[in-house]
Amino acid sequence: MDRKKHWEDIYQSKDTAEVSWFQASPTTSLQFVAEFNLPQSAKIIDVGGGDSFMVDRLLEMGYWNITVLDISETAINKTKERLGEKANTVKWIVADAATFQPIEKYDMWHDRAAFHFFTGKQEISNYVDTISSFVKPGGYLVLGTFSEQGPTKCSGIEIKQYSENSMTSLLADFFNKIKCITVDHKTPFNTLQNFIFCSFRRLAV
């Protein structure tokens, strides 16, 4: 499957509020941000956040050193248009998160519903290596994926489900778990998807 073409087709054919992962406000993710008590100068990356409202809310909270990455240029352009002039303060990266190679380190790495699309051992390993290398010591990571009680597919693609144990063990060499919670996400179609969100802190080198 051509992953990039798949996502471009979706974002070109559907409005922002017509996709199953739509959230008017990413409440769970923002609760984690509040708990971290990051300075407003913190470098934050939102991976897979192309048409998410996460960047809108972070800007409203006063954060200004924000990067948004998505495989779909269409998704990113939708958010740029929505933000207007504010978009000029954000760093935008069009890339596949599975092969993304950052050029700077981050105080917080946020990924809601991108990681679970990586099902091969090698791309999972590569992504974990990237996070481990580019989250600053003492920095934070938030991962949100479908739980073991969640869907097995999204947008016609098979995903990898996670539990607290499987996600924590995957990251144990580089991160201390802070906490994990499960959340039922209500889609625009009135169905429920069970997510697990885990927060971690990067070990000091």
Protein backbone atom coordinates (compact mmCIF):
# COMPACT_ATOMS: atom_id res chain seq x y z
CA MET A 1 0.00 0.00 0.00
CA ASP A 2 1.14 3.52 -0.79
CA ARG A 3 0.70 4.99 2.70
CA LYS A 4 1.06 8.60 1.66
CA LYS A 5 -1.43 8.30 -1.22
CA HIS A 6 -3.91 6.57 1.10
CA TRP A 7 -3.93 9.47 3.56
CA GLU A 8 -3.88 12.18 0.89
CA ASP A 9 -6.96 10.59 -0.69
CA ILE A 10 -8.77 10.58 2.66
CA TYR A 11 -8.02 14.19 3.50
CA GLN A 12 -8.87 15.33 -0.02
CA SER A 13 -12.24 13.58 0.02
CA LYS A 14 -13.41 14.24 3.59
CA ASP A 15 -13.89 17.30 5.74
CA THR A 16 -12.04 17.57 9.04
CA ALA A 17 -15.12 16.63 11.10
CA GLU A 18 -15.96 13.63 8.89
CA VAL A 19 -13.10 11.37 9.94
CA SER A 20 -13.42 8.92 12.82
CA TRP A 21 -10.52 10.41 14.78
CA PHE A 22 -11.95 13.93 14.82
CA GLN A 23 -11.94 15.74 18.18
CA ALA A 24 -13.21 19.28 18.60
CA SER A 25 -10.80 19.49 21.52
CA PRO A 26 -8.12 16.88 22.37
CA THR A 27 -9.05 16.93 26.05
CA THR A 28 -7.04 13.91 27.17
CA SER A 29 -3.84 15.09 25.52
CA LEU A 30 -4.25 18.58 26.94
CA GLN A 31 -4.68 17.17 30.44
CA PHE A 32 -1.28 15.53 30.12
CA VAL A 33 0.26 18.80 28.95
CA ALA A 34 -1.18 20.58 31.97
CA GLU A 35 0.23 17.93 34.31
CA PHE A 36 3.73 18.29 32.85
CA ASN A 37 3.75 22.01 33.68
CA LEU A 38 5.99 22.76 30.72
CA PRO A 39 7.32 26.28 30.19
CA GLN A 40 5.69 28.09 27.28
CA SER A 41 9.00 27.99 25.44
CA ALA A 42 9.02 24.16 25.45
CA LYS A 43 9.69 22.48 22.12
CA ILE A 44 6.61 20.36 21.40
CA ILE A 45 6.05 18.07 18.42
CA ASP A 46 2.63 16.67 17.49
CA VAL A 47 3.19 13.60 15.31
CA GLY A 48 0.30 12.73 13.01
CA GLY A 49 -1.34 15.99 13.99
CA GLY A 50 -2.09 17.26 10.49
CA ASP A 51 -5.75 18.18 10.92
CA SER A 52 -5.88 17.91 14.72
CA PHE A 53 -6.96 20.82 16.89
CA MET A 54 -4.05 20.10 19.25
CA VAL A 55 -1.94 22.87 17.74
CA ASP A 56 -4.82 25.37 18.04
CA ARG A 57 -5.19 24.63 21.73
CA LEU A 58 -1.45 24.70 22.44
CA LEU A 59 -1.21 28.13 20.82
CA GLU A 60 -4.14 29.30 22.94
CA MET A 61 -2.26 28.07 26.03
CA GLY A 62 0.70 30.27 25.09
CA TYR A 63 3.04 27.65 23.68
CA TRP A 64 4.89 28.97 20.66
CA ASN A 65 7.69 26.50 19.85
CA ILE A 66 5.45 23.92 18.17
CA THR A 67 6.10 21.46 15.35
CA VAL A 68 3.33 19.53 13.59
CA LEU A 69 4.18 16.49 11.49
CA ASP A 70 1.87 14.59 9.18
CA ILE A 71 2.25 12.33 6.17
CA SER A 72 -0.52 14.28 4.41
CA GLU A 73 0.25 17.71 3.03
CA THR A 74 -3.49 18.17 2.47
CA ALA A 75 -4.17 17.67 6.19
CA ILE A 76 -1.50 20.17 7.14
CA ASN A 77 -2.78 22.72 4.63
CA LYS A 78 -6.27 22.46 6.13
CA THR A 79 -4.90 23.35 9.54
CA LYS A 80 -2.76 26.17 8.15
CA GLU A 81 -5.86 27.64 6.54
CA ARG A 82 -7.82 27.32 9.78
CA LEU A 83 -5.11 29.02 11.82
CA GLY A 84 -4.57 31.87 9.39
CA GLU A 85 -1.62 34.09 10.34
CA LYS A 86 -0.98 31.99 13.46
CA ALA A 87 0.19 29.20 11.16
CA ASN A 88 3.35 31.19 10.47
CA THR A 89 4.50 30.62 14.05
CA VAL A 90 4.33 26.81 13.71
CA LYS A 91 6.91 24.49 12.11
CA TRP A 92 5.21 22.17 9.62
CA ILE A 93 6.76 18.89 8.46
CA VAL A 94 5.30 16.64 5.75
CA ALA A 95 6.82 13.22 6.40
CA ASP A 96 6.03 9.61 7.23
CA ALA A 97 6.48 9.28 10.99
CA ALA A 98 7.86 5.77 10.48
CA THR A 99 10.93 7.13 8.68
CA PHE A 100 11.07 10.68 10.08
CA GLN A 101 14.52 11.86 11.15
CA PRO A 102 14.31 14.97 13.34
CA ILE A 103 16.92 17.70 13.24
CA GLU A 104 16.24 18.95 16.77
CA LYS A 105 15.33 17.52 20.16
CA TYR A 106 11.99 18.03 21.87
CA ASP A 107 10.74 18.67 25.40
CA MET A 108 7.51 16.84 24.57
CA TRP A 109 6.63 14.33 21.88
CA HIS A 110 2.89 13.79 21.38
CA ASP A 111 1.43 11.06 19.20
CA ARG A 112 -2.27 10.30 19.20
CA ALA A 113 -3.22 7.54 16.75
CA ALA A 114 -0.16 7.55 14.48
CA PHE A 115 1.95 4.92 16.24
CA HIS A 116 -0.67 2.18 16.09
CA PHE A 117 -0.48 2.16 12.28
CA PHE A 118 3.07 0.78 12.52
CA THR A 119 2.67 -2.99 12.57
CA GLY A 120 6.05 -4.24 11.36
CA LYS A 121 8.74 -4.97 13.96
CA GLN A 122 11.34 -2.92 12.14
CA GLU A 123 9.29 0.24 11.75
CA ILE A 124 8.13 -0.01 15.37
CA SER A 125 11.75 -0.38 16.47
CA ASN A 126 12.85 2.52 14.25
CA TYR A 127 10.15 4.78 15.66
CA VAL A 128 11.01 3.92 19.26
CA ASP A 129 14.69 4.61 18.49
CA THR A 130 13.77 7.99 17.00
CA ILE A 131 11.67 9.00 20.00
CA SER A 132 14.39 7.84 22.38
CA SER A 133 17.04 9.84 20.54
CA PHE A 134 15.08 13.05 20.06
CA VAL A 135 13.19 13.53 23.30
CA LYS A 136 15.47 15.47 25.62
CA PRO A 137 16.58 13.83 28.88
CA GLY A 138 13.86 14.71 31.35
CA GLY A 139 11.46 15.40 28.48
CA TYR A 140 8.00 13.92 28.07
CA LEU A 141 6.26 11.50 25.73
CA VAL A 142 2.52 10.92 25.29
CA LEU A 143 1.38 7.98 23.16
CA GLY A 144 -2.27 7.32 22.39
CA THR A 145 -3.22 4.13 20.52
CA PHE A 146 -6.14 1.76 20.22
CA SER A 147 -6.27 -0.47 23.29
CA GLU A 148 -6.78 -4.22 23.30
CA GLN A 149 -10.50 -3.46 23.62
CA GLY A 150 -10.39 -1.03 20.69
CA PRO A 151 -10.75 -1.52 16.94
CA THR A 152 -8.38 -3.73 14.97
CA LYS A 153 -8.58 -1.51 11.88
CA CYS A 154 -8.82 2.18 11.14
CA SER A 155 -9.48 3.74 7.76
CA GLY A 156 -9.36 0.26 6.25
CA ILE A 157 -5.84 -0.40 7.58
CA GLU A 158 -4.88 -2.96 10.18
CA ILE A 159 -3.43 -1.45 13.34
CA LYS A 160 -1.48 -2.74 16.34
CA GLN A 161 -3.33 -2.64 19.64
CA TYR A 162 -1.51 -1.90 22.89
CA SER A 163 -1.96 -2.51 26.58
CA GLU A 164 -0.29 -0.68 29.44
CA ASN A 165 2.21 -3.53 29.78
CA SER A 166 3.06 -3.86 26.08
CA MET A 167 3.53 -0.13 25.59
CA THR A 168 5.55 0.31 28.76
CA SER A 169 7.86 -2.64 28.05
CA LEU A 170 8.54 -1.33 24.55
CA LEU A 171 9.88 1.93 25.97
CA ALA A 172 11.38 0.71 29.25
CA ASP A 173 15.03 1.11 28.19
CA PHE A 174 14.68 4.86 27.75
CA PHE A 175 11.55 6.06 29.56
CA ASN A 176 9.91 5.89 32.96
CA LYS A 177 6.16 5.46 32.79
CA ILE A 178 4.20 8.19 34.54
CA LYS A 179 0.71 6.81 34.06
CA CYS A 180 -1.64 5.11 31.61
CA ILE A 181 -5.37 5.67 31.19
CA THR A 182 -8.02 4.26 28.88
CA VAL A 183 -10.49 6.54 27.15
CA ASP A 184 -13.55 5.92 25.00
CA HIS A 185 -13.39 8.19 21.99
CA LYS A 186 -16.79 8.97 20.51
CA THR A 187 -16.54 9.23 16.74
CA PRO A 188 -18.65 11.58 14.59
CA PHE A 189 -20.67 8.46 13.71
CA ASN A 190 -21.62 7.87 17.39
CA THR A 191 -19.46 4.78 17.76
CA LEU A 192 -16.94 4.28 20.58
CA GLN A 193 -13.26 3.50 20.16
CA ASN A 194 -11.26 2.51 23.22
CA PHE A 195 -7.84 4.16 23.41
CA ILE A 196 -4.98 3.76 25.81
CA PHE A 197 -2.92 6.86 26.56
CA CYS A 198 0.40 6.55 28.37
CA SER A 199 2.72 9.30 29.51
CA PHE A 200 6.44 8.81 30.02
CA ARG A 201 9.49 10.77 31.08
CA ARG A 202 12.80 10.35 29.29
CA LEU A 203 15.52 8.94 31.51
CA ALA A 204 18.53 11.13 32.18
CA VAL A 205 21.59 10.16 30.14
